[in-house]
């Protein structure tokens, strides 16, 4: 930490003359300005931000000035500083950072100081990490038991189903969603310095919806219930049959939740003349269920950065999206709610935790 008021009156007057001179080189005046701001009590980060510099540069100017005096303003040039860590130390640090996830820049700074006895500033550490090939981002959340082979097998079966689909057959994707009465803060472009917030809802009320979506025409059949059960699944299946009286076979792709596979559902499907055919997704593979993408679009339209004064208004907005917005905007929504499935390959990731 650099404490202010370290200049004598003579030094300060000399630096002010440099800053105010019309004939002085810009680089020299800039360094003098930085020293004056530090003397005023600004920290290195504030000076660097004001002058569009790196705080290590400001810190180096101060050190040179206090060590060798005002003449250094004209003598230390633009030569870049040498790396503080040796190549061997950088290689070792890279291995450490690759093996262990450091969740903050401060943690990396502390490790470098503890391991190598070398102090880096925050900006210097960030620059070092970028140079070593590291970015600050979150690890991807993946299902712990996702099977690449099972996903590939399902995708192949799905493609075969579409290839052999008869004109009187139709395919739906089904899943449950539980929108909770809460606004969801989401990223957006906000003017620097503008303090923006979104109000949060009260309580934990939520809707319980089970839906089925047809990618061919955007048709969505939905059931709302107080609690998910096998009866909810049966109600949705019956609604699908009523809505598709023209279809000889209705293929429904869904996950392996117990409410989808219970005895009551099996008995309903065993009825003579039942037109529903269930196709179960592999375990831990929501990435292969197209309707999951619709839930994401719903949240973007309804809950992201939006506040509702009460649960009823929130529920009405959800319902309006499915009943009005979805059919009206289906031609654009289908660009993202589609069956362009990506296989999650756990073997391509390094798991932590």
Protein backbone atom coordinates (compact mmCIF):
# COMPACT_ATOMS: atom_id res chain seq x y z
CA UNK A 1 0.00 0.00 0.00
CA UNK A 2 1.31 3.46 -0.92
CA UNK A 3 0.51 6.19 1.56
CA UNK A 4 -0.19 9.68 0.28
CA UNK A 5 1.63 12.91 1.14
CA UNK A 6 5.10 11.47 0.48
CA UNK A 7 6.21 14.44 -1.68
CA UNK A 8 7.91 17.52 -0.34
CA UNK A 9 6.49 20.91 -1.35
CA UNK A 10 9.40 21.41 -3.75
CA UNK A 11 8.88 18.00 -5.40
CA UNK A 12 5.17 18.56 -5.76
CA UNK A 13 5.67 22.03 -7.30
CA UNK A 14 8.24 20.56 -9.72
CA UNK A 15 5.85 17.80 -10.82
CA UNK A 16 2.99 20.26 -11.26
CA UNK A 17 5.17 22.37 -13.57
CA UNK A 18 5.88 19.26 -15.67
CA UNK A 19 2.18 18.41 -15.90
CA UNK A 20 1.28 21.97 -16.89
CA UNK A 21 4.09 22.43 -19.39
CA UNK A 22 3.10 22.71 -23.06
CA UNK A 23 6.55 21.65 -24.25
CA UNK A 24 7.12 18.64 -21.97
CA UNK A 25 6.88 15.19 -23.55
CA UNK A 26 3.49 13.54 -23.02
CA UNK A 27 5.02 10.39 -21.51
CA UNK A 28 6.94 12.37 -18.89
CA UNK A 29 3.90 14.50 -17.99
CA UNK A 30 1.82 11.35 -17.65
CA UNK A 31 4.27 9.83 -15.16
CA UNK A 32 4.39 13.05 -13.19
CA UNK A 33 0.59 13.09 -13.09
CA UNK A 34 0.56 9.53 -11.73
CA UNK A 35 3.00 10.44 -8.93
CA UNK A 36 0.89 13.49 -8.01
CA UNK A 37 -2.29 11.40 -7.81
CA UNK A 38 -0.56 8.87 -5.57
CA UNK A 39 0.58 11.72 -3.35
CA UNK A 40 -3.07 12.88 -3.19
CA UNK A 41 -4.00 9.53 -1.63
CA UNK A 42 -5.18 7.62 -4.68
CA UNK A 43 -4.28 3.93 -4.76
CA UNK A 44 -2.48 2.33 -7.72
CA UNK A 45 -5.64 0.75 -9.11
CA UNK A 46 -7.47 4.11 -9.15
CA UNK A 47 -4.56 5.89 -10.83
CA UNK A 48 -4.21 3.10 -13.40
CA UNK A 49 -7.91 3.26 -14.23
CA UNK A 50 -7.87 7.05 -14.56
CA UNK A 51 -4.81 7.06 -16.83
CA UNK A 52 -5.65 3.82 -18.72
CA UNK A 53 -2.60 2.05 -17.36
CA UNK A 54 -1.75 -1.18 -15.61
CA UNK A 55 -1.46 -0.81 -11.83
CA UNK A 56 1.91 -2.62 -11.91
CA UNK A 57 3.17 0.17 -14.17
CA UNK A 58 2.01 2.82 -11.70
CA UNK A 59 3.58 0.91 -8.85
CA UNK A 60 6.86 0.67 -10.77
CA UNK A 61 6.89 4.41 -11.47
CA UNK A 62 6.40 5.15 -7.79
CA UNK A 63 9.19 2.78 -6.78
CA UNK A 64 11.60 4.30 -9.30
CA UNK A 65 10.67 7.84 -8.24
CA UNK A 66 11.12 7.20 -4.52
CA UNK A 67 14.39 5.34 -5.13
CA UNK A 68 16.13 7.56 -7.66
CA UNK A 69 14.24 10.84 -7.57
CA UNK A 70 12.49 13.02 -10.14
CA UNK A 71 15.12 12.44 -12.86
CA UNK A 72 13.74 8.94 -13.37
CA UNK A 73 10.63 10.49 -14.94
CA UNK A 74 12.73 11.07 -18.04
CA UNK A 75 15.01 8.05 -17.81
CA UNK A 76 12.83 4.98 -17.37
CA UNK A 77 11.49 4.19 -20.79
CA UNK A 78 8.95 1.88 -22.38
CA UNK A 79 10.85 -1.35 -21.94
CA UNK A 80 8.52 -4.05 -20.65
CA UNK A 81 9.19 -5.67 -17.32
CA UNK A 82 10.66 -9.15 -17.20
CA UNK A 83 8.46 -12.00 -15.96
CA UNK A 84 8.72 -12.38 -12.21
CA UNK A 85 8.48 -16.17 -12.35
CA UNK A 86 11.08 -18.25 -14.12
CA UNK A 87 10.04 -20.59 -16.91
CA UNK A 88 10.33 -23.57 -14.60
CA UNK A 89 8.18 -21.83 -12.00
CA UNK A 90 5.59 -20.92 -14.63
CA UNK A 91 5.48 -24.55 -15.80
CA UNK A 92 4.99 -25.75 -12.22
CA UNK A 93 2.27 -23.14 -11.62
CA UNK A 94 0.50 -24.26 -14.80
CA UNK A 95 0.44 -27.85 -13.52
CA UNK A 96 -0.90 -26.71 -10.15
CA UNK A 97 -3.66 -24.60 -11.70
CA UNK A 98 -4.59 -27.45 -14.03
CA UNK A 99 -4.87 -29.93 -11.18
CA UNK A 100 -6.74 -27.69 -8.73
CA UNK A 101 -9.47 -25.14 -9.42
CA UNK A 102 -8.66 -21.76 -7.85
CA UNK A 103 -11.92 -19.84 -7.52
CA UNK A 104 -10.45 -16.35 -7.21
CA UNK A 105 -7.51 -14.28 -8.40
CA UNK A 106 -6.65 -13.58 -4.76
CA UNK A 107 -6.21 -17.32 -4.15
CA UNK A 108 -3.75 -17.54 -7.04
CA UNK A 109 -1.86 -14.48 -5.77
CA UNK A 110 -1.61 -16.04 -2.30
CA UNK A 111 -0.36 -19.34 -3.73
CA UNK A 112 2.35 -17.62 -5.80
CA UNK A 113 3.54 -15.61 -2.81
CA UNK A 114 3.50 -18.64 -0.50
CA UNK A 115 5.16 -21.03 -2.96
CA UNK A 116 7.66 -18.74 -4.69
CA UNK A 117 7.99 -15.74 -2.37
CA UNK A 118 6.98 -13.40 -5.22
CA UNK A 119 4.23 -10.79 -4.97
CA UNK A 120 1.94 -10.05 -7.90
CA UNK A 121 -0.76 -7.40 -8.13
CA UNK A 122 -4.27 -8.44 -9.08
CA UNK A 123 -3.95 -7.12 -12.63
CA UNK A 124 -0.49 -8.64 -12.94
CA UNK A 125 -1.86 -12.03 -11.84
CA UNK A 126 -4.69 -11.82 -14.36
CA UNK A 127 -2.22 -10.97 -17.12
CA UNK A 128 -0.01 -13.90 -16.06
CA UNK A 129 -2.97 -16.31 -16.05
CA UNK A 130 -4.05 -15.20 -19.52
CA UNK A 131 -0.51 -15.60 -20.80
CA UNK A 132 -0.38 -19.13 -19.37
CA UNK A 133 -3.60 -19.99 -21.17
CA UNK A 134 -6.20 -19.72 -18.38
CA UNK A 135 -9.64 -18.07 -18.50
CA UNK A 136 -11.99 -17.26 -15.62
CA UNK A 137 -15.16 -19.29 -16.20
CA UNK A 138 -17.40 -21.83 -14.54
CA UNK A 139 -17.01 -25.57 -15.06
CA UNK A 140 -19.83 -27.16 -17.04
CA UNK A 141 -22.39 -29.04 -14.99
CA UNK A 142 -22.80 -32.56 -16.39
CA UNK A 143 -24.90 -35.53 -15.25
CA UNK A 144 -22.64 -37.80 -13.23
CA UNK A 145 -23.81 -40.98 -14.97
CA UNK A 146 -24.41 -39.84 -18.55
CA UNK A 147 -23.60 -42.59 -21.05
CA UNK A 148 -22.20 -41.59 -24.43
CA UNK A 149 -23.12 -44.95 -25.95
CA UNK A 150 -26.71 -44.77 -24.71
CA UNK A 151 -27.12 -41.24 -26.09
CA UNK A 152 -25.74 -42.23 -29.48
CA UNK A 153 -28.02 -45.28 -29.58
CA UNK A 154 -31.08 -43.17 -28.80
CA UNK A 155 -30.17 -40.59 -31.43
CA UNK A 156 -29.82 -43.35 -34.01
CA UNK A 157 -33.23 -44.79 -33.04
CA UNK A 158 -34.80 -41.34 -33.20
CA UNK A 159 -33.43 -40.73 -36.70
CA UNK A 160 -34.75 -44.12 -37.78
CA UNK A 161 -38.17 -43.26 -36.32
CA UNK A 162 -38.33 -40.04 -38.32
CA UNK A 163 -37.16 -41.78 -41.50
CA UNK A 164 -39.87 -44.44 -41.27
CA UNK A 165 -42.63 -42.14 -40.00
CA UNK A 166 -45.90 -42.60 -41.87
CA UNK A 167 -48.14 -39.62 -42.81
CA UNK A 168 -50.65 -40.62 -40.11
CA UNK A 169 -48.00 -40.74 -37.35
CA UNK A 170 -46.77 -37.83 -35.25
CA UNK A 171 -43.98 -37.28 -32.70
CA UNK A 172 -44.10 -35.33 -29.44
CA UNK A 173 -41.52 -34.61 -26.73
CA UNK A 174 -42.76 -34.51 -23.12
CA UNK A 175 -41.46 -33.29 -19.79
CA UNK A 176 -42.56 -31.56 -16.59
CA UNK A 177 -41.62 -28.02 -15.59
CA UNK A 178 -42.10 -26.20 -12.29
CA UNK A 179 -41.84 -22.41 -12.74
CA UNK A 180 -41.27 -20.83 -9.33
CA UNK A 181 -42.65 -17.41 -8.43
CA UNK A 182 -39.30 -15.65 -8.58
CA UNK A 183 -37.74 -13.23 -10.99
CA UNK A 184 -34.47 -14.42 -12.51
CA UNK A 185 -31.74 -11.78 -12.93
CA UNK A 186 -30.18 -12.24 -16.35
CA UNK A 187 -27.25 -10.71 -18.21
CA UNK A 188 -27.76 -7.64 -20.38
CA UNK A 189 -25.92 -4.51 -21.50
CA UNK A 190 -26.01 -1.99 -18.64
CA UNK A 191 -24.31 1.37 -18.69
CA UNK A 192 -21.17 1.42 -16.57
CA UNK A 193 -21.84 2.93 -13.14
CA UNK A 194 -25.61 2.43 -13.42
CA UNK A 195 -26.91 0.43 -10.43
CA UNK A 196 -29.64 -1.81 -11.79
CA UNK A 197 -31.74 -4.31 -9.83
CA UNK A 198 -34.82 -6.46 -10.34
CA UNK A 199 -37.36 -7.04 -7.59
CA UNK A 200 -37.73 -10.56 -6.23
CA UNK A 201 -41.03 -12.30 -5.54
CA UNK A 202 -42.12 -13.50 -2.11
CA UNK A 203 -42.71 -17.07 -1.03
CA UNK A 204 -42.08 -20.37 -2.78
CA UNK A 205 -45.26 -20.82 -4.77
CA UNK A 206 -44.82 -22.56 -8.08
CA UNK A 207 -46.74 -24.07 -10.97
CA UNK A 208 -46.59 -27.78 -11.75
CA UNK A 209 -46.92 -28.36 -15.47
CA UNK A 210 -46.54 -31.41 -17.67
CA UNK A 211 -46.38 -30.73 -21.38
CA UNK A 212 -45.92 -32.39 -24.76
CA UNK A 213 -44.52 -30.51 -27.76
CA UNK A 214 -44.62 -31.41 -31.45
CA UNK A 215 -41.66 -29.98 -33.35
CA UNK A 216 -43.40 -30.43 -36.68
CA UNK A 217 -46.15 -27.87 -36.06
CA UNK A 218 -45.42 -26.33 -32.64
CA UNK A 219 -48.49 -27.87 -31.01
CA UNK A 220 -48.21 -27.90 -27.22
CA UNK A 221 -50.53 -29.90 -24.98
CA UNK A 222 -50.29 -29.01 -21.29
CA UNK A 223 -51.63 -30.29 -17.98
CA UNK A 224 -51.47 -28.27 -14.75
CA UNK A 225 -51.65 -30.15 -11.48
CA UNK A 226 -51.06 -29.68 -7.76
CA UNK A 227 -48.74 -32.69 -7.64
CA UNK A 228 -47.15 -34.84 -10.31
CA UNK A 229 -48.45 -38.42 -10.39
CA UNK A 230 -49.15 -41.26 -12.79
CA UNK A 231 -52.63 -39.76 -13.18
CA UNK A 232 -51.03 -36.55 -14.50
CA UNK A 233 -49.27 -38.61 -17.17
CA UNK A 234 -52.49 -40.42 -18.06
CA UNK A 235 -54.35 -37.10 -18.33
CA UNK A 236 -51.69 -35.77 -20.72
CA UNK A 237 -51.79 -38.95 -22.83
CA UNK A 238 -55.58 -38.74 -23.10
CA UNK A 239 -55.35 -35.07 -24.07
CA UNK A 240 -52.84 -35.95 -26.78
CA UNK A 241 -55.18 -38.54 -28.25
CA UNK A 242 -58.08 -36.07 -28.28
CA UNK A 243 -55.95 -33.35 -29.91
CA UNK A 244 -54.69 -35.74 -32.61
CA UNK A 245 -57.80 -37.62 -33.65
CA UNK A 246 -56.40 -37.89 -37.17
CA UNK A 247 -53.21 -39.68 -36.08
CA UNK A 248 -53.03 -43.45 -36.17
CA UNK A 249 -49.91 -43.46 -33.92
CA UNK A 250 -48.67 -40.79 -31.51
CA UNK A 251 -45.02 -41.27 -30.57
CA UNK A 252 -44.14 -39.66 -27.24
CA UNK A 253 -40.50 -39.20 -26.18
CA UNK A 254 -40.01 -38.66 -22.44
CA UNK A 255 -37.69 -39.41 -19.55
CA UNK A 256 -37.79 -42.35 -17.16
CA UNK A 257 -39.47 -40.59 -14.23
CA UNK A 258 -41.57 -42.95 -12.05
CA UNK A 259 -44.77 -41.04 -12.92
CA UNK A 260 -44.19 -42.00 -16.57
CA UNK A 261 -43.65 -45.71 -15.93
CA UNK A 262 -46.07 -46.58 -13.13
CA UNK A 263 -48.49 -49.50 -13.26
CA UNK A 264 -51.50 -47.24 -13.87
CA UNK A 265 -49.78 -45.77 -16.95
CA UNK A 266 -48.92 -49.23 -18.27
CA UNK A 267 -52.51 -50.36 -17.79
CA UNK A 268 -53.81 -47.29 -19.65
CA UNK A 269 -51.43 -47.93 -22.55
CA UNK A 270 -52.55 -51.57 -22.72
CA UNK A 271 -56.14 -50.57 -23.58
CA UNK A 272 -57.42 -51.86 -26.91
CA UNK A 273 -57.04 -49.18 -29.55
CA UNK A 274 -54.55 -47.06 -27.61
CA UNK A 275 -52.63 -44.91 -30.10
CA UNK A 276 -49.80 -43.74 -27.85
CA UNK A 277 -46.31 -45.25 -28.14
CA UNK A 278 -43.79 -44.26 -25.47
CA UNK A 279 -40.07 -43.91 -26.25
CA UNK A 280 -37.92 -43.43 -23.17
CA UNK A 281 -34.80 -41.31 -23.17
CA UNK A 282 -31.52 -42.70 -21.82
CA UNK A 283 -30.94 -42.01 -18.14
CA UNK A 284 -29.36 -38.62 -17.36
CA UNK A 285 -29.89 -37.24 -20.88
CA UNK A 286 -32.09 -34.12 -20.73
CA UNK A 287 -30.00 -32.80 -23.63
CA UNK A 288 -31.94 -35.18 -25.90
CA UNK A 289 -35.36 -33.84 -24.93
CA UNK A 290 -36.36 -30.99 -27.22
CA UNK A 291 -39.03 -29.65 -24.87
CA UNK A 292 -36.30 -28.78 -22.35
CA UNK A 293 -35.29 -26.04 -24.78
CA UNK A 294 -38.82 -24.68 -24.73
CA UNK A 295 -38.65 -24.28 -20.94
CA UNK A 296 -35.51 -22.18 -21.42
CA UNK A 297 -37.25 -19.94 -23.96
CA UNK A 298 -40.22 -19.62 -21.61
CA UNK A 299 -37.98 -18.33 -18.82
CA UNK A 300 -36.30 -15.87 -21.20
CA UNK A 301 -39.72 -14.43 -22.09
CA UNK A 302 -41.40 -14.55 -18.68
CA UNK A 303 -39.02 -14.64 -15.71
CA UNK A 304 -35.72 -13.09 -16.84
CA UNK A 305 -35.45 -9.57 -15.36
CA UNK A 306 -39.23 -9.45 -14.79
CA UNK A 307 -41.14 -8.93 -11.56
CA UNK A 308 -44.77 -9.81 -10.91
CA UNK A 309 -46.64 -8.29 -7.95
CA UNK A 310 -48.30 -11.58 -7.02
CA UNK A 311 -48.36 -15.26 -7.90
CA UNK A 312 -51.56 -14.94 -9.94
CA UNK A 313 -49.96 -12.38 -12.24
CA UNK A 314 -46.91 -14.64 -12.55
CA UNK A 315 -49.03 -17.70 -13.39
CA UNK A 316 -51.04 -15.70 -15.94
CA UNK A 317 -47.81 -14.65 -17.66
CA UNK A 318 -46.65 -18.29 -17.86
CA UNK A 319 -50.00 -19.37 -19.27
CA UNK A 320 -50.05 -16.51 -21.76
CA UNK A 321 -46.62 -17.52 -23.06
CA UNK A 322 -47.73 -21.08 -23.79
CA UNK A 323 -51.18 -20.20 -25.13
CA UNK A 324 -50.42 -16.99 -27.05
CA UNK A 325 -46.71 -16.21 -27.49
CA UNK A 326 -45.65 -19.73 -28.46
CA UNK A 327 -48.11 -20.18 -31.36
CA UNK A 328 -47.58 -16.59 -32.52
CA UNK A 329 -43.77 -16.81 -32.52
CA UNK A 330 -43.31 -20.49 -33.28
CA UNK A 331 -41.61 -19.85 -36.61
CA UNK A 332 -38.77 -18.05 -34.80
CA UNK A 333 -38.84 -20.15 -31.61
CA UNK A 334 -38.37 -23.36 -33.59
CA UNK A 335 -34.92 -22.12 -34.60
CA UNK A 336 -33.76 -22.86 -31.05
CA UNK A 337 -36.36 -25.42 -29.94
CA UNK A 338 -35.35 -28.18 -32.31
CA UNK A 339 -33.93 -31.69 -32.50
CA UNK A 340 -30.38 -30.68 -33.35
CA UNK A 341 -29.18 -32.74 -30.41
CA UNK A 342 -25.63 -32.70 -29.07
CA UNK A 343 -24.17 -35.74 -27.37
CA UNK A 344 -22.72 -35.04 -23.92
CA UNK A 345 -19.43 -36.90 -23.76
CA UNK A 346 -18.19 -37.10 -20.16
CA UNK A 347 -14.91 -38.60 -21.31
CA UNK A 348 -14.01 -35.25 -22.88
CA UNK A 349 -14.13 -33.46 -19.53
CA UNK A 350 -11.95 -33.37 -16.44
CA UNK A 351 -14.22 -33.69 -13.43
CA UNK A 352 -13.53 -31.84 -10.18
CA UNK A 353 -15.11 -31.89 -6.74
